[in-house]
Amino acid sequence: EMLSDIALLAHHKWNDSEYNHREWFFGSDEFPRWAGYSLGYALVGKYLELNPQETAATLVSASAERFKSTLSRLTET
């Protein structure tokens, strides 16, 4: 599935200092268009599924690190 491939790529690039917002969100040879939006939507959805005590409102100021373990769960789908 394409989303799990993007999640795996994000997992591998987590600490990459060469982050390119444009390619993640608008596409490139490596990334389909809107990959960042799709991944973000799925990541927050999976996080909320695994943490039912949370809400979107409680995550507004959450750091990216909070979602790292959930990212690996998206690669399993």
PDB file of N, CA and C in Angstrom:
ATOM      1  N   GLU A   1       0.847  -1.193   0.000  1.00  0.00           N
ATOM      2  CA  GLU A   1       0.000   0.000   0.000  1.00  0.00           C
ATOM      3  C   GLU A   1       0.884   1.244   0.000  1.00  0.00           C
ATOM      4  N   MET A   2       0.490   2.255  -0.711  1.00  0.00           N
ATOM      5  CA  MET A   2       1.305   3.455  -0.852  1.00  0.00           C
ATOM      6  C   MET A   2       1.516   4.183   0.473  1.00  0.00           C
ATOM      7  N   LEU A   3       0.474   4.257   1.310  1.00  0.00           N
ATOM      8  CA  LEU A   3       0.623   4.969   2.576  1.00  0.00           C
ATOM      9  C   LEU A   3       1.657   4.302   3.475  1.00  0.00           C
ATOM     10  N   SER A   4       1.667   2.978   3.519  1.00  0.00           N
ATOM     11  CA  SER A   4       2.660   2.292   4.357  1.00  0.00           C
ATOM     12  C   SER A   4       4.069   2.513   3.801  1.00  0.00           C
ATOM     13  N   ASP A   5       4.207   2.628   2.482  1.00  0.00           N
ATOM     14  CA  ASP A   5       5.513   2.934   1.884  1.00  0.00           C
ATOM     15  C   ASP A   5       5.976   4.333   2.283  1.00  0.00           C
ATOM     16  N   ILE A   6       5.064   5.297   2.265  1.00  0.00           N
ATOM     17  CA  ILE A   6       5.395   6.665   2.659  1.00  0.00           C
ATOM     18  C   ILE A   6       5.737   6.710   4.147  1.00  0.00           C
ATOM     19  N   ALA A   7       4.987   5.968   4.964  1.00  0.00           N
ATOM     20  CA  ALA A   7       5.272   5.914   6.402  1.00  0.00           C
ATOM     21  C   ALA A   7       6.658   5.323   6.651  1.00  0.00           C
ATOM     22  N   LEU A   8       7.018   4.289   5.910  1.00  0.00           N
ATOM     23  CA  LEU A   8       8.336   3.674   6.056  1.00  0.00           C
ATOM     24  C   LEU A   8       9.426   4.665   5.653  1.00  0.00           C
ATOM     25  N   LEU A   9       9.212   5.374   4.571  1.00  0.00           N
ATOM     26  CA  LEU A   9      10.163   6.386   4.131  1.00  0.00           C
ATOM     27  C   LEU A   9      10.308   7.482   5.193  1.00  0.00           C
ATOM     28  N   ALA A  10       9.202   7.919   5.754  1.00  0.00           N
ATOM     29  CA  ALA A  10       9.238   8.935   6.813  1.00  0.00           C
ATOM     30  C   ALA A  10       9.995   8.421   8.028  1.00  0.00           C
ATOM     31  N   HIS A  11       9.790   7.146   8.354  1.00  0.00           N
ATOM     32  CA  HIS A  11      10.494   6.545   9.487  1.00  0.00           C
ATOM     33  C   HIS A  11      12.008   6.563   9.253  1.00  0.00           C
ATOM     34  N   HIS A  12      12.423   6.220   8.045  1.00  0.00           N
ATOM     35  CA  HIS A  12      13.851   6.213   7.710  1.00  0.00           C
ATOM     36  C   HIS A  12      14.445   7.613   7.654  1.00  0.00           C
ATOM     37  N   LYS A  13      13.636   8.589   7.296  1.00  0.00           N
ATOM     38  CA  LYS A  13      14.121   9.962   7.155  1.00  0.00           C
ATOM     39  C   LYS A  13      13.840  10.818   8.397  1.00  0.00           C
ATOM     40  N   TRP A  14      13.397  10.207   9.479  1.00  0.00           N
ATOM     41  CA  TRP A  14      12.973  10.946  10.680  1.00  0.00           C
ATOM     42  C   TRP A  14      14.007  11.981  11.137  1.00  0.00           C
ATOM     43  N   ASN A  15      15.253  11.609  11.188  1.00  0.00           N
ATOM     44  CA  ASN A  15      16.308  12.508  11.674  1.00  0.00           C
ATOM     45  C   ASN A  15      17.112  13.158  10.549  1.00  0.00           C
ATOM     46  N   ASP A  16      16.609  13.071   9.344  1.00  0.00           N
ATOM     47  CA  ASP A  16      17.295  13.629   8.178  1.00  0.00           C
ATOM     48  C   ASP A  16      17.310  15.152   8.243  1.00  0.00           C
ATOM     49  N   SER A  17      18.480  15.731   8.197  1.00  0.00           N
ATOM     50  CA  SER A  17      18.600  17.192   8.265  1.00  0.00           C
ATOM     51  C   SER A  17      18.274  17.851   6.934  1.00  0.00           C
ATOM     52  N   GLU A  18      18.065  17.060   5.900  1.00  0.00           N
ATOM     53  CA  GLU A  18      17.765  17.583   4.564  1.00  0.00           C
ATOM     54  C   GLU A  18      16.265  17.546   4.273  1.00  0.00           C
ATOM     55  N   TYR A  19      15.429  17.794   5.279  1.00  0.00           N
ATOM     56  CA  TYR A  19      13.980  17.802   5.098  1.00  0.00           C
ATOM     57  C   TYR A  19      13.581  18.811   4.023  1.00  0.00           C
ATOM     58  N   ASN A  20      12.744  18.384   3.094  1.00  0.00           N
ATOM     59  CA  ASN A  20      12.274  19.244   2.016  1.00  0.00           C
ATOM     60  C   ASN A  20      10.747  19.279   2.062  1.00  0.00           C
ATOM     61  N   HIS A  21      10.214  20.314   2.671  1.00  0.00           N
ATOM     62  CA  HIS A  21       8.767  20.440   2.831  1.00  0.00           C
ATOM     63  C   HIS A  21       8.050  20.368   1.484  1.00  0.00           C
ATOM     64  N   ARG A  22       8.604  21.028   0.499  1.00  0.00           N
ATOM     65  CA  ARG A  22       7.975  21.081  -0.820  1.00  0.00           C
ATOM     66  C   ARG A  22       7.761  19.685  -1.409  1.00  0.00           C
ATOM     67  N   GLU A  23       8.769  18.826  -1.340  1.00  0.00           N
ATOM     68  CA  GLU A  23       8.601  17.504  -1.931  1.00  0.00           C
ATOM     69  C   GLU A  23       7.624  16.639  -1.142  1.00  0.00           C
ATOM     70  N   TRP A  24       7.601  16.767   0.176  1.00  0.00           N
ATOM     71  CA  TRP A  24       6.673  15.984   0.988  1.00  0.00           C
ATOM     72  C   TRP A  24       5.228  16.379   0.725  1.00  0.00           C
ATOM     73  N   PHE A  25       4.990  17.670   0.522  1.00  0.00           N
ATOM     74  CA  PHE A  25       3.615  18.137   0.399  1.00  0.00           C
ATOM     75  C   PHE A  25       3.156  18.399  -1.028  1.00  0.00           C
ATOM     76  N   PHE A  26       4.073  18.640  -1.951  1.00  0.00           N
ATOM     77  CA  PHE A  26       3.674  18.946  -3.316  1.00  0.00           C
ATOM     78  C   PHE A  26       4.183  17.930  -4.342  1.00  0.00           C
ATOM     79  N   GLY A  27       4.968  16.957  -3.874  1.00  0.00           N
ATOM     80  CA  GLY A  27       5.393  15.868  -4.728  1.00  0.00           C
ATOM     81  C   GLY A  27       6.771  16.054  -5.353  1.00  0.00           C
ATOM     82  N   SER A  28       7.339  14.947  -5.769  1.00  0.00           N
ATOM     83  CA  SER A  28       8.646  14.894  -6.423  1.00  0.00           C
ATOM     84  C   SER A  28       8.763  13.515  -7.064  1.00  0.00           C
ATOM     85  N   ASP A  29       9.930  13.180  -7.551  1.00  0.00           N
ATOM     86  CA  ASP A  29      10.139  11.835  -8.089  1.00  0.00           C
ATOM     87  C   ASP A  29       9.997  10.775  -6.994  1.00  0.00           C
ATOM     88  N   GLU A  30      10.372  11.139  -5.781  1.00  0.00           N
ATOM     89  CA  GLU A  30      10.348  10.198  -4.657  1.00  0.00           C
ATOM     90  C   GLU A  30       9.009  10.178  -3.928  1.00  0.00           C
ATOM     91  N   PHE A  31       8.291  11.299  -3.932  1.00  0.00           N
ATOM     92  CA  PHE A  31       7.062  11.429  -3.157  1.00  0.00           C
ATOM     93  C   PHE A  31       5.867  11.752  -4.049  1.00  0.00           C
ATOM     94  N   PRO A  32       4.748  11.061  -3.853  1.00  0.00           N
ATOM     95  CA  PRO A  32       3.555  11.453  -4.593  1.00  0.00           C
ATOM     96  C   PRO A  32       3.011  12.785  -4.051  1.00  0.00           C
ATOM     97  N   ARG A  33       2.272  13.479  -4.864  1.00  0.00           N
ATOM     98  CA  ARG A  33       1.672  14.742  -4.447  1.00  0.00           C
ATOM     99  C   ARG A  33       0.797  14.517  -3.216  1.00  0.00           C
ATOM    100  N   TRP A  34       0.882  15.397  -2.277  1.00  0.00           N
ATOM    101  CA  TRP A  34       0.106  15.416  -1.027  1.00  0.00           C
ATOM    102  C   TRP A  34       0.509  14.309  -0.044  1.00  0.00           C
ATOM    103  N   ALA A  35       1.659  13.689  -0.220  1.00  0.00           N
ATOM    104  CA  ALA A  35       2.099  12.616   0.676  1.00  0.00           C
ATOM    105  C   ALA A  35       2.139  13.080   2.129  1.00  0.00           C
ATOM    106  N   GLY A  36       2.650  14.270   2.373  1.00  0.00           N
ATOM    107  CA  GLY A  36       2.746  14.782   3.738  1.00  0.00           C
ATOM    108  C   GLY A  36       1.392  14.963   4.391  1.00  0.00           C
ATOM    109  N   TYR A  37       0.432  15.474   3.629  1.00  0.00           N
ATOM    110  CA  TYR A  37      -0.919  15.654   4.167  1.00  0.00           C
ATOM    111  C   TYR A  37      -1.561  14.305   4.477  1.00  0.00           C
ATOM    112  N   SER A  38      -1.441  13.375   3.551  1.00  0.00           N
ATOM    113  CA  SER A  38      -2.025  12.045   3.740  1.00  0.00           C
ATOM    114  C   SER A  38      -1.396  11.332   4.924  1.00  0.00           C
ATOM    115  N   LEU A  39      -0.077  11.421   5.017  1.00  0.00           N
ATOM    116  CA  LEU A  39       0.623  10.778   6.126  1.00  0.00           C
ATOM    117  C   LEU A  39       0.234  11.413   7.453  1.00  0.00           C
ATOM    118  N   GLY A  40       0.171  12.724   7.506  1.00  0.00           N
ATOM    119  CA  GLY A  40      -0.213  13.413   8.740  1.00  0.00           C
ATOM    120  C   GLY A  40      -1.611  13.035   9.195  1.00  0.00           C
ATOM    121  N   TYR A  41      -2.539  12.987   8.269  1.00  0.00           N
ATOM    122  CA  TYR A  41      -3.920  12.613   8.588  1.00  0.00           C
ATOM    123  C   TYR A  41      -3.969  11.193   9.155  1.00  0.00           C
ATOM    124  N   ALA A  42      -3.301  10.268   8.481  1.00  0.00           N
ATOM    125  CA  ALA A  42      -3.290   8.872   8.926  1.00  0.00           C
ATOM    126  C   ALA A  42      -2.564   8.718  10.259  1.00  0.00           C
ATOM    127  N   LEU A  43      -1.479   9.455  10.428  1.00  0.00           N
ATOM    128  CA  LEU A  43      -0.689   9.361  11.658  1.00  0.00           C
ATOM    129  C   LEU A  43      -1.485   9.832  12.868  1.00  0.00           C
ATOM    130  N   VAL A  44      -2.142  10.952  12.750  1.00  0.00           N
ATOM    131  CA  VAL A  44      -2.953  11.458  13.870  1.00  0.00           C
ATOM    132  C   VAL A  44      -4.137  10.521  14.121  1.00  0.00           C
ATOM    133  N   GLY A  45      -4.754  10.035  13.055  1.00  0.00           N
ATOM    134  CA  GLY A  45      -5.864   9.095  13.224  1.00  0.00           C
ATOM    135  C   GLY A  45      -5.451   7.836  13.962  1.00  0.00           C
ATOM    136  N   LYS A  46      -4.305   7.260  13.584  1.00  0.00           N
ATOM    137  CA  LYS A  46      -3.805   6.050  14.255  1.00  0.00           C
ATOM    138  C   LYS A  46      -3.434   6.355  15.700  1.00  0.00           C
ATOM    139  N   TYR A  47      -2.803   7.513  15.930  1.00  0.00           N
ATOM    140  CA  TYR A  47      -2.433   7.906  17.297  1.00  0.00           C
ATOM    141  C   TYR A  47      -3.684   7.990  18.173  1.00  0.00           C
ATOM    142  N   LEU A  48      -4.725   8.633  17.661  1.00  0.00           N
ATOM    143  CA  LEU A  48      -5.965   8.766  18.437  1.00  0.00           C
ATOM    144  C   LEU A  48      -6.627   7.406  18.672  1.00  0.00           C
ATOM    145  N   GLU A  49      -6.532   6.525  17.699  1.00  0.00           N
ATOM    146  CA  GLU A  49      -7.068   5.167  17.857  1.00  0.00           C
ATOM    147  C   GLU A  49      -6.347   4.433  18.980  1.00  0.00           C
ATOM    148  N   LEU A  50      -5.031   4.598  19.053  1.00  0.00           N
ATOM    149  CA  LEU A  50      -4.221   3.914  20.068  1.00  0.00           C
ATOM    150  C   LEU A  50      -4.242   4.621  21.424  1.00  0.00           C
ATOM    151  N   ASN A  51      -4.656   5.875  21.440  1.00  0.00           N
ATOM    152  CA  ASN A  51      -4.677   6.686  22.670  1.00  0.00           C
ATOM    153  C   ASN A  51      -6.035   7.360  22.805  1.00  0.00           C
ATOM    154  N   PRO A  52      -7.084   6.582  23.120  1.00  0.00           N
ATOM    155  CA  PRO A  52      -8.439   7.119  23.129  1.00  0.00           C
ATOM    156  C   PRO A  52      -8.685   8.220  24.170  1.00  0.00           C
ATOM    157  N   GLN A  53      -7.791   8.366  25.116  1.00  0.00           N
ATOM    158  CA  GLN A  53      -7.933   9.430  26.106  1.00  0.00           C
ATOM    159  C   GLN A  53      -7.550  10.792  25.532  1.00  0.00           C
ATOM    160  N   GLU A  54      -6.903  10.798  24.389  1.00  0.00           N
ATOM    161  CA  GLU A  54      -6.479  12.034  23.718  1.00  0.00           C
ATOM    162  C   GLU A  54      -7.567  12.511  22.752  1.00  0.00           C
ATOM    163  N   THR A  55      -7.485  13.774  22.372  1.00  0.00           N
ATOM    164  CA  THR A  55      -8.347  14.334  21.337  1.00  0.00           C
ATOM    165  C   THR A  55      -7.463  15.175  20.424  1.00  0.00           C
ATOM    166  N   ALA A  56      -8.000  15.570  19.301  1.00  0.00           N
ATOM    167  CA  ALA A  56      -7.241  16.445  18.407  1.00  0.00           C
ATOM    168  C   ALA A  56      -6.854  17.724  19.141  1.00  0.00           C
ATOM    169  N   ALA A  57      -7.731  18.213  19.983  1.00  0.00           N
ATOM    170  CA  ALA A  57      -7.459  19.447  20.732  1.00  0.00           C
ATOM    171  C   ALA A  57      -6.297  19.277  21.703  1.00  0.00           C
ATOM    172  N   THR A  58      -6.138  18.107  22.299  1.00  0.00           N
ATOM    173  CA  THR A  58      -5.040  17.907  23.252  1.00  0.00           C
ATOM    174  C   THR A  58      -3.701  17.742  22.535  1.00  0.00           C
ATOM    175  N   LEU A  59      -3.741  17.536  21.224  1.00  0.00           N
ATOM    176  CA  LEU A  59      -2.515  17.313  20.462  1.00  0.00           C
ATOM    177  C   LEU A  59      -2.020  18.552  19.721  1.00  0.00           C
ATOM    178  N   VAL A  60      -2.723  19.636  19.828  1.00  0.00           N
ATOM    179  CA  VAL A  60      -2.384  20.842  19.061  1.00  0.00           C
ATOM    180  C   VAL A  60      -0.927  21.249  19.244  1.00  0.00           C
ATOM    181  N   SER A  61      -0.414  21.183  20.443  1.00  0.00           N
ATOM    182  CA  SER A  61       0.963  21.608  20.723  1.00  0.00           C
ATOM    183  C   SER A  61       1.927  20.435  20.897  1.00  0.00           C
ATOM    184  N   ALA A  62       1.499  19.249  20.512  1.00  0.00           N
ATOM    185  CA  ALA A  62       2.335  18.058  20.696  1.00  0.00           C
ATOM    186  C   ALA A  62       3.553  18.111  19.775  1.00  0.00           C
ATOM    187  N   SER A  63       4.667  17.651  20.292  1.00  0.00           N
ATOM    188  CA  SER A  63       5.887  17.595  19.479  1.00  0.00           C
ATOM    189  C   SER A  63       5.813  16.406  18.529  1.00  0.00           C
ATOM    190  N   ALA A  64       6.575  16.462  17.477  1.00  0.00           N
ATOM    191  CA  ALA A  64       6.625  15.372  16.506  1.00  0.00           C
ATOM    192  C   ALA A  64       7.081  14.066  17.164  1.00  0.00           C
ATOM    193  N   GLU A  65       7.972  14.167  18.125  1.00  0.00           N
ATOM    194  CA  GLU A  65       8.490  12.966  18.797  1.00  0.00           C
ATOM    195  C   GLU A  65       7.371  12.132  19.405  1.00  0.00           C
ATOM    196  N   ARG A  66       6.310  12.773  19.802  1.00  0.00           N
ATOM    197  CA  ARG A  66       5.188  12.071  20.416  1.00  0.00           C
ATOM    198  C   ARG A  66       4.555  11.065  19.444  1.00  0.00           C
ATOM    199  N   PHE A  67       4.710  11.295  18.159  1.00  0.00           N
ATOM    200  CA  PHE A  67       4.085  10.456  17.153  1.00  0.00           C
ATOM    201  C   PHE A  67       5.024   9.422  16.534  1.00  0.00           C
ATOM    202  N   LYS A  68       6.278   9.458  16.900  1.00  0.00           N
ATOM    203  CA  LYS A  68       7.267   8.591  16.246  1.00  0.00           C
ATOM    204  C   LYS A  68       6.937   7.104  16.375  1.00  0.00           C
ATOM    205  N   SER A  69       6.559   6.661  17.546  1.00  0.00           N
ATOM    206  CA  SER A  69       6.245   5.238  17.710  1.00  0.00           C
ATOM    207  C   SER A  69       4.992   4.853  16.930  1.00  0.00           C
ATOM    208  N   THR A  70       4.078   5.777  16.773  1.00  0.00           N
ATOM    209  CA  THR A  70       2.867   5.509  16.000  1.00  0.00           C
ATOM    210  C   THR A  70       3.197   5.386  14.520  1.00  0.00           C
ATOM    211  N   LEU A  71       4.186   6.116  14.061  1.00  0.00           N
ATOM    212  CA  LEU A  71       4.589   6.057  12.656  1.00  0.00           C
ATOM    213  C   LEU A  71       4.953   4.634  12.259  1.00  0.00           C
ATOM    214  N   SER A  72       5.661   3.933  13.112  1.00  0.00           N
ATOM    215  CA  SER A  72       6.041   2.555  12.782  1.00  0.00           C
ATOM    216  C   SER A  72       4.822   1.642  12.698  1.00  0.00           C
ATOM    217  N   ARG A  73       3.761   1.984  13.412  1.00  0.00           N
ATOM    218  CA  ARG A  73       2.529   1.191  13.336  1.00  0.00           C
ATOM    219  C   ARG A  73       1.861   1.338  11.962  1.00  0.00           C
ATOM    220  N   LEU A  74       2.049   2.474  11.312  1.00  0.00           N
ATOM    221  CA  LEU A  74       1.470   2.676   9.981  1.00  0.00           C
ATOM    222  C   LEU A  74       2.177   1.845   8.919  1.00  0.00           C
ATOM    223  N   THR A  75       3.404   1.435   9.185  1.00  0.00           N
ATOM    224  CA  THR A  75       4.131   0.618   8.218  1.00  0.00           C
ATOM    225  C   THR A  75       3.666  -0.827   8.254  1.00  0.00           C
ATOM    226  N   GLU A  76       2.911  -1.179   9.269  1.00  0.00           N
ATOM    227  CA  GLU A  76       2.436  -2.554   9.435  1.00  0.00           C
ATOM    228  C   GLU A  76       1.132  -2.811   8.687  1.00  0.00           C
ATOM    229  N   THR A  77       0.487  -1.755   8.182  1.00  0.00           N
ATOM    230  CA  THR A  77      -0.831  -1.934   7.545  1.00  0.00           C
ATOM    231  C   THR A  77      -0.700  -2.428   6.137  1.00  0.00           C
TER     232      THR A  77
END
